[in-house]
Amino acid sequence: MADKKVVIRHDVHRDRFDVEVAGESIAQFNHDEHGWAGMESAKTLVERLGEKLGFEVVSEEGGDAESDDH
């Protein structure tokens, strides 16, 4: 169980983040679509799930919003 980890990967501008499991993005949140409050709620949900279900949640910076825009 110690190997279970979720990464919250913020872009360098902090206006979007991906939730990654085993190196694969499973969800994306951004300011334009979700707003600051929505992004914070999503991050809090992932962190609380980690606490309750016993997996590690780490925040990392990576990527560039300008080159990752969809």
PDB file of N, CA and C in Angstrom:
ATOM      1  N   MET A   1       0.804  -1.199   0.000  1.00  0.00           N
ATOM      2  CA  MET A   1       0.000   0.000   0.000  1.00  0.00           C
ATOM      3  C   MET A   1       0.846   1.262   0.000  1.00  0.00           C
ATOM      4  N   ALA A   2       2.072   1.165   0.475  1.00  0.00           N
ATOM      5  CA  ALA A   2       2.930   2.350   0.538  1.00  0.00           C
ATOM      6  C   ALA A   2       3.259   2.882  -0.847  1.00  0.00           C
ATOM      7  N   ASP A   3       3.128   2.044  -1.870  1.00  0.00           N
ATOM      8  CA  ASP A   3       3.449   2.465  -3.223  1.00  0.00           C
ATOM      9  C   ASP A   3       2.321   3.247  -3.884  1.00  0.00           C
ATOM     10  N   LYS A   4       1.158   3.311  -3.262  1.00  0.00           N
ATOM     11  CA  LYS A   4       0.037   4.026  -3.863  1.00  0.00           C
ATOM     12  C   LYS A   4       0.263   5.519  -3.717  1.00  0.00           C
ATOM     13  N   LYS A   5       0.271   6.213  -4.865  1.00  0.00           N
ATOM     14  CA  LYS A   5       0.553   7.646  -4.844  1.00  0.00           C
ATOM     15  C   LYS A   5      -0.228   8.342  -5.944  1.00  0.00           C
ATOM     16  N   VAL A   6      -0.741   9.515  -5.613  1.00  0.00           N
ATOM     17  CA  VAL A   6      -1.405  10.386  -6.572  1.00  0.00           C
ATOM     18  C   VAL A   6      -0.607  11.679  -6.618  1.00  0.00           C
ATOM     19  N   VAL A   7      -0.350  12.165  -7.822  1.00  0.00           N
ATOM     20  CA  VAL A   7       0.380  13.417  -7.995  1.00  0.00           C
ATOM     21  C   VAL A   7      -0.587  14.484  -8.482  1.00  0.00           C
ATOM     22  N   ILE A   8      -0.581  15.619  -7.799  1.00  0.00           N
ATOM     23  CA  ILE A   8      -1.296  16.804  -8.262  1.00  0.00           C
ATOM     24  C   ILE A   8      -0.233  17.673  -8.916  1.00  0.00           C
ATOM     25  N   ARG A   9      -0.233  17.712 -10.260  1.00  0.00           N
ATOM     26  CA  ARG A   9       0.823  18.405 -11.007  1.00  0.00           C
ATOM     27  C   ARG A   9       0.308  19.750 -11.512  1.00  0.00           C
ATOM     28  N   HIS A  10       0.836  20.818 -10.897  1.00  0.00           N
ATOM     29  CA  HIS A  10       0.466  22.186 -11.268  1.00  0.00           C
ATOM     30  C   HIS A  10       1.303  22.651 -12.448  1.00  0.00           C
ATOM     31  N   ASP A  11       0.728  23.472 -13.319  1.00  0.00           N
ATOM     32  CA  ASP A  11       1.543  24.110 -14.347  1.00  0.00           C
ATOM     33  C   ASP A  11       2.348  25.226 -13.680  1.00  0.00           C
ATOM     34  N   VAL A  12       3.321  25.765 -14.399  1.00  0.00           N
ATOM     35  CA  VAL A  12       4.214  26.770 -13.820  1.00  0.00           C
ATOM     36  C   VAL A  12       3.482  28.048 -13.441  1.00  0.00           C
ATOM     37  N   HIS A  13       2.326  28.300 -14.022  1.00  0.00           N
ATOM     38  CA  HIS A  13       1.563  29.512 -13.721  1.00  0.00           C
ATOM     39  C   HIS A  13       0.508  29.271 -12.642  1.00  0.00           C
ATOM     40  N   ARG A  14       0.349  28.010 -12.207  1.00  0.00           N
ATOM     41  CA  ARG A  14      -0.577  27.614 -11.136  1.00  0.00           C
ATOM     42  C   ARG A  14      -2.046  27.839 -11.490  1.00  0.00           C
ATOM     43  N   ASP A  15      -2.372  27.982 -12.782  1.00  0.00           N
ATOM     44  CA  ASP A  15      -3.779  28.178 -13.132  1.00  0.00           C
ATOM     45  C   ASP A  15      -4.417  26.922 -13.716  1.00  0.00           C
ATOM     46  N   ARG A  16      -3.726  25.794 -13.595  1.00  0.00           N
ATOM     47  CA  ARG A  16      -4.295  24.492 -13.944  1.00  0.00           C
ATOM     48  C   ARG A  16      -3.505  23.405 -13.232  1.00  0.00           C
ATOM     49  N   PHE A  17      -4.144  22.250 -13.038  1.00  0.00           N
ATOM     50  CA  PHE A  17      -3.409  21.095 -12.532  1.00  0.00           C
ATOM     51  C   PHE A  17      -4.039  19.818 -13.050  1.00  0.00           C
ATOM     52  N   ASP A  18      -3.195  18.801 -13.135  1.00  0.00           N
ATOM     53  CA  ASP A  18      -3.624  17.459 -13.517  1.00  0.00           C
ATOM     54  C   ASP A  18      -3.534  16.576 -12.283  1.00  0.00           C
ATOM     55  N   VAL A  19      -4.409  15.593 -12.196  1.00  0.00           N
ATOM     56  CA  VAL A  19      -4.332  14.569 -11.167  1.00  0.00           C
ATOM     57  C   VAL A  19      -3.804  13.325 -11.866  1.00  0.00           C
ATOM     58  N   GLU A  20      -2.658  12.823 -11.400  1.00  0.00           N
ATOM     59  CA  GLU A  20      -1.993  11.697 -12.059  1.00  0.00           C
ATOM     60  C   GLU A  20      -1.922  10.483 -11.140  1.00  0.00           C
ATOM     61  N   VAL A  21      -2.189   9.319 -11.716  1.00  0.00           N
ATOM     62  CA  VAL A  21      -2.044   8.042 -11.034  1.00  0.00           C
ATOM     63  C   VAL A  21      -1.174   7.170 -11.924  1.00  0.00           C
ATOM     64  N   ALA A  22      -0.114   6.617 -11.361  1.00  0.00           N
ATOM     65  CA  ALA A  22       0.817   5.767 -12.111  1.00  0.00           C
ATOM     66  C   ALA A  22       1.319   6.473 -13.371  1.00  0.00           C
ATOM     67  N   GLY A  23       1.574   7.785 -13.257  1.00  0.00           N
ATOM     68  CA  GLY A  23       2.105   8.553 -14.371  1.00  0.00           C
ATOM     69  C   GLY A  23       1.096   8.940 -15.434  1.00  0.00           C
ATOM     70  N   GLU A  24      -0.160   8.574 -15.252  1.00  0.00           N
ATOM     71  CA  GLU A  24      -1.207   8.877 -16.233  1.00  0.00           C
ATOM     72  C   GLU A  24      -2.172   9.913 -15.668  1.00  0.00           C
ATOM     73  N   SER A  25      -2.443  10.948 -16.464  1.00  0.00           N
ATOM     74  CA  SER A  25      -3.392  11.972 -16.047  1.00  0.00           C
ATOM     75  C   SER A  25      -4.805  11.398 -16.090  1.00  0.00           C
ATOM     76  N   ILE A  26      -5.518  11.489 -14.953  1.00  0.00           N
ATOM     77  CA  ILE A  26      -6.888  10.973 -14.909  1.00  0.00           C
ATOM     78  C   ILE A  26      -7.920  12.093 -14.827  1.00  0.00           C
ATOM     79  N   ALA A  27      -7.466  13.326 -14.537  1.00  0.00           N
ATOM     80  CA  ALA A  27      -8.381  14.467 -14.471  1.00  0.00           C
ATOM     81  C   ALA A  27      -7.577  15.750 -14.599  1.00  0.00           C
ATOM     82  N   GLN A  28      -8.204  16.780 -15.180  1.00  0.00           N
ATOM     83  CA  GLN A  28      -7.575  18.083 -15.319  1.00  0.00           C
ATOM     84  C   GLN A  28      -8.539  19.144 -14.807  1.00  0.00           C
ATOM     85  N   PHE A  29      -7.984  20.133 -14.124  1.00  0.00           N
ATOM     86  CA  PHE A  29      -8.772  21.250 -13.615  1.00  0.00           C
ATOM     87  C   PHE A  29      -8.056  22.532 -13.986  1.00  0.00           C
ATOM     88  N   ASN A  30      -8.813  23.563 -14.410  1.00  0.00           N
ATOM     89  CA  ASN A  30      -8.187  24.832 -14.755  1.00  0.00           C
ATOM     90  C   ASN A  30      -9.070  25.992 -14.323  1.00  0.00           C
ATOM     91  N   HIS A  31      -8.433  27.147 -14.176  1.00  0.00           N
ATOM     92  CA  HIS A  31      -9.125  28.334 -13.677  1.00  0.00           C
ATOM     93  C   HIS A  31     -10.249  28.761 -14.604  1.00  0.00           C
ATOM     94  N   ASP A  32     -10.025  28.744 -15.911  1.00  0.00           N
ATOM     95  CA  ASP A  32     -11.043  29.207 -16.858  1.00  0.00           C
ATOM     96  C   ASP A  32     -12.325  28.382 -16.777  1.00  0.00           C
ATOM     97  N   GLU A  33     -12.197  27.080 -16.636  1.00  0.00           N
ATOM     98  CA  GLU A  33     -13.366  26.199 -16.626  1.00  0.00           C
ATOM     99  C   GLU A  33     -13.963  26.008 -15.232  1.00  0.00           C
ATOM    100  N   HIS A  34     -13.115  25.899 -14.210  1.00  0.00           N
ATOM    101  CA  HIS A  34     -13.582  25.538 -12.872  1.00  0.00           C
ATOM    102  C   HIS A  34     -13.514  26.671 -11.855  1.00  0.00           C
ATOM    103  N   GLY A  35     -12.782  27.736 -12.159  1.00  0.00           N
ATOM    104  CA  GLY A  35     -12.609  28.830 -11.203  1.00  0.00           C
ATOM    105  C   GLY A  35     -11.661  28.430 -10.087  1.00  0.00           C
ATOM    106  N   TRP A  36     -11.211  29.441  -9.344  1.00  0.00           N
ATOM    107  CA  TRP A  36     -10.266  29.165  -8.252  1.00  0.00           C
ATOM    108  C   TRP A  36     -10.912  28.288  -7.186  1.00  0.00           C
ATOM    109  N   ALA A  37     -12.168  28.569  -6.834  1.00  0.00           N
ATOM    110  CA  ALA A  37     -12.848  27.794  -5.790  1.00  0.00           C
ATOM    111  C   ALA A  37     -13.034  26.339  -6.218  1.00  0.00           C
ATOM    112  N   GLY A  38     -13.372  26.121  -7.481  1.00  0.00           N
ATOM    113  CA  GLY A  38     -13.531  24.761  -7.980  1.00  0.00           C
ATOM    114  C   GLY A  38     -12.228  23.988  -7.973  1.00  0.00           C
ATOM    115  N   MET A  39     -11.151  24.663  -8.338  1.00  0.00           N
ATOM    116  CA  MET A  39      -9.838  24.016  -8.316  1.00  0.00           C
ATOM    117  C   MET A  39      -9.445  23.643  -6.890  1.00  0.00           C
ATOM    118  N   GLU A  40      -9.666  24.545  -5.953  1.00  0.00           N
ATOM    119  CA  GLU A  40      -9.326  24.273  -4.551  1.00  0.00           C
ATOM    120  C   GLU A  40     -10.179  23.133  -4.001  1.00  0.00           C
ATOM    121  N   SER A  41     -11.456  23.102  -4.349  1.00  0.00           N
ATOM    122  CA  SER A  41     -12.338  22.018  -3.901  1.00  0.00           C
ATOM    123  C   SER A  41     -11.880  20.671  -4.448  1.00  0.00           C
ATOM    124  N   ALA A  42     -11.487  20.633  -5.717  1.00  0.00           N
ATOM    125  CA  ALA A  42     -11.016  19.385  -6.325  1.00  0.00           C
ATOM    126  C   ALA A  42      -9.736  18.905  -5.646  1.00  0.00           C
ATOM    127  N   LYS A  43      -8.817  19.825  -5.392  1.00  0.00           N
ATOM    128  CA  LYS A  43      -7.554  19.476  -4.727  1.00  0.00           C
ATOM    129  C   LYS A  43      -7.828  18.947  -3.321  1.00  0.00           C
ATOM    130  N   THR A  44      -8.705  19.609  -2.592  1.00  0.00           N
ATOM    131  CA  THR A  44      -9.054  19.174  -1.237  1.00  0.00           C
ATOM    132  C   THR A  44      -9.691  17.792  -1.253  1.00  0.00           C
ATOM    133  N   LEU A  45     -10.558  17.537  -2.227  1.00  0.00           N
ATOM    134  CA  LEU A  45     -11.193  16.226  -2.346  1.00  0.00           C
ATOM    135  C   LEU A  45     -10.149  15.130  -2.545  1.00  0.00           C
ATOM    136  N   VAL A  46      -9.205  15.343  -3.454  1.00  0.00           N
ATOM    137  CA  VAL A  46      -8.162  14.345  -3.711  1.00  0.00           C
ATOM    138  C   VAL A  46      -7.350  14.105  -2.442  1.00  0.00           C
ATOM    139  N   GLU A  47      -6.993  15.176  -1.732  1.00  0.00           N
ATOM    140  CA  GLU A  47      -6.207  15.030  -0.503  1.00  0.00           C
ATOM    141  C   GLU A  47      -6.982  14.272   0.575  1.00  0.00           C
ATOM    142  N   ARG A  48      -8.250  14.552   0.728  1.00  0.00           N
ATOM    143  CA  ARG A  48      -9.068  13.851   1.732  1.00  0.00           C
ATOM    144  C   ARG A  48      -9.263  12.385   1.374  1.00  0.00           C
ATOM    145  N   LEU A  49      -9.455  12.106   0.094  1.00  0.00           N
ATOM    146  CA  LEU A  49      -9.551  10.708  -0.335  1.00  0.00           C
ATOM    147  C   LEU A  49      -8.258   9.967  -0.013  1.00  0.00           C
ATOM    148  N   GLY A  50      -7.129  10.617  -0.249  1.00  0.00           N
ATOM    149  CA  GLY A  50      -5.842  10.010   0.080  1.00  0.00           C
ATOM    150  C   GLY A  50      -5.743   9.653   1.550  1.00  0.00           C
ATOM    151  N   GLU A  51      -6.157  10.581   2.413  1.00  0.00           N
ATOM    152  CA  GLU A  51      -6.131  10.324   3.856  1.00  0.00           C
ATOM    153  C   GLU A  51      -7.017   9.138   4.224  1.00  0.00           C
ATOM    154  N   LYS A  52      -8.225   9.115   3.721  1.00  0.00           N
ATOM    155  CA  LYS A  52      -9.194   8.082   4.094  1.00  0.00           C
ATOM    156  C   LYS A  52      -8.880   6.718   3.487  1.00  0.00           C
ATOM    157  N   LEU A  53      -8.351   6.710   2.262  1.00  0.00           N
ATOM    158  CA  LEU A  53      -8.109   5.447   1.560  1.00  0.00           C
ATOM    159  C   LEU A  53      -6.666   4.974   1.664  1.00  0.00           C
ATOM    160  N   GLY A  54      -5.814   5.767   2.287  1.00  0.00           N
ATOM    161  CA  GLY A  54      -4.451   5.331   2.557  1.00  0.00           C
ATOM    162  C   GLY A  54      -3.483   5.423   1.398  1.00  0.00           C
ATOM    163  N   PHE A  55      -3.623   6.434   0.546  1.00  0.00           N
ATOM    164  CA  PHE A  55      -2.608   6.642  -0.480  1.00  0.00           C
ATOM    165  C   PHE A  55      -1.984   8.014  -0.311  1.00  0.00           C
ATOM    166  N   GLU A  56      -0.744   8.119  -0.755  1.00  0.00           N
ATOM    167  CA  GLU A  56       0.010   9.360  -0.646  1.00  0.00           C
ATOM    168  C   GLU A  56      -0.432  10.330  -1.738  1.00  0.00           C
ATOM    169  N   VAL A  57      -0.571  11.602  -1.387  1.00  0.00           N
ATOM    170  CA  VAL A  57      -0.881  12.654  -2.352  1.00  0.00           C
ATOM    171  C   VAL A  57       0.248  13.668  -2.284  1.00  0.00           C
ATOM    172  N   VAL A  58       0.887  13.928  -3.427  1.00  0.00           N
ATOM    173  CA  VAL A  58       1.970  14.906  -3.479  1.00  0.00           C
ATOM    174  C   VAL A  58       1.660  15.949  -4.535  1.00  0.00           C
ATOM    175  N   SER A  59       2.100  17.180  -4.270  1.00  0.00           N
ATOM    176  CA  SER A  59       1.971  18.264  -5.247  1.00  0.00           C
ATOM    177  C   SER A  59       3.324  18.486  -5.889  1.00  0.00           C
ATOM    178  N   GLU A  60       3.330  18.593  -7.203  1.00  0.00           N
ATOM    179  CA  GLU A  60       4.559  18.850  -7.947  1.00  0.00           C
ATOM    180  C   GLU A  60       4.275  19.896  -9.005  1.00  0.00           C
ATOM    181  N   GLU A  61       5.304  20.640  -9.363  1.00  0.00           N
ATOM    182  CA  GLU A  61       5.176  21.599 -10.454  1.00  0.00           C
ATOM    183  C   GLU A  61       5.744  20.967 -11.707  1.00  0.00           C
ATOM    184  N   GLY A  62       5.086  21.190 -12.820  1.00  0.00           N
ATOM    185  CA  GLY A  62       5.578  20.663 -14.076  1.00  0.00           C
ATOM    186  C   GLY A  62       4.664  21.061 -15.202  1.00  0.00           C
ATOM    187  N   GLY A  63       5.209  21.176 -16.370  1.00  0.00           N
ATOM    188  CA  GLY A  63       4.413  21.576 -17.520  1.00  0.00           C
ATOM    189  C   GLY A  63       4.305  23.078 -17.619  1.00  0.00           C
ATOM    190  N   ASP A  64       3.802  23.536 -18.737  1.00  0.00           N
ATOM    191  CA  ASP A  64       3.661  24.965 -19.011  1.00  0.00           C
ATOM    192  C   ASP A  64       2.293  25.184 -19.621  1.00  0.00           C
ATOM    193  N   ALA A  65       1.479  25.982 -18.998  1.00  0.00           N
ATOM    194  CA  ALA A  65       0.107  26.216 -19.476  1.00  0.00           C
ATOM    195  C   ALA A  65       0.081  26.691 -20.917  1.00  0.00           C
ATOM    196  N   GLU A  66       1.083  27.448 -21.342  1.00  0.00           N
ATOM    197  CA  GLU A  66       1.088  27.974 -22.708  1.00  0.00           C
ATOM    198  C   GLU A  66       1.255  26.864 -23.731  1.00  0.00           C
ATOM    199  N   SER A  67       2.052  25.845 -23.403  1.00  0.00           N
ATOM    200  CA  SER A  67       2.260  24.766 -24.370  1.00  0.00           C
ATOM    201  C   SER A  67       1.276  23.625 -24.174  1.00  0.00           C
ATOM    202  N   ASP A  68       0.561  23.596 -23.029  1.00  0.00           N
ATOM    203  CA  ASP A  68      -0.365  22.511 -22.740  1.00  0.00           C
ATOM    204  C   ASP A  68      -1.820  22.866 -22.987  1.00  0.00           C
ATOM    205  N   ASP A  69      -2.123  24.073 -23.457  1.00  0.00           N
ATOM    206  CA  ASP A  69      -3.514  24.483 -23.636  1.00  0.00           C
ATOM    207  C   ASP A  69      -4.247  23.521 -24.549  1.00  0.00           C
ATOM    208  N   HIS A  70      -5.498  23.207 -24.184  1.00  0.00           N
ATOM    209  CA  HIS A  70      -6.334  22.305 -24.991  1.00  0.00           C
ATOM    210  C   HIS A  70      -7.513  23.057 -25.505  1.00  0.00           C
TER     211      HIS A  70
END
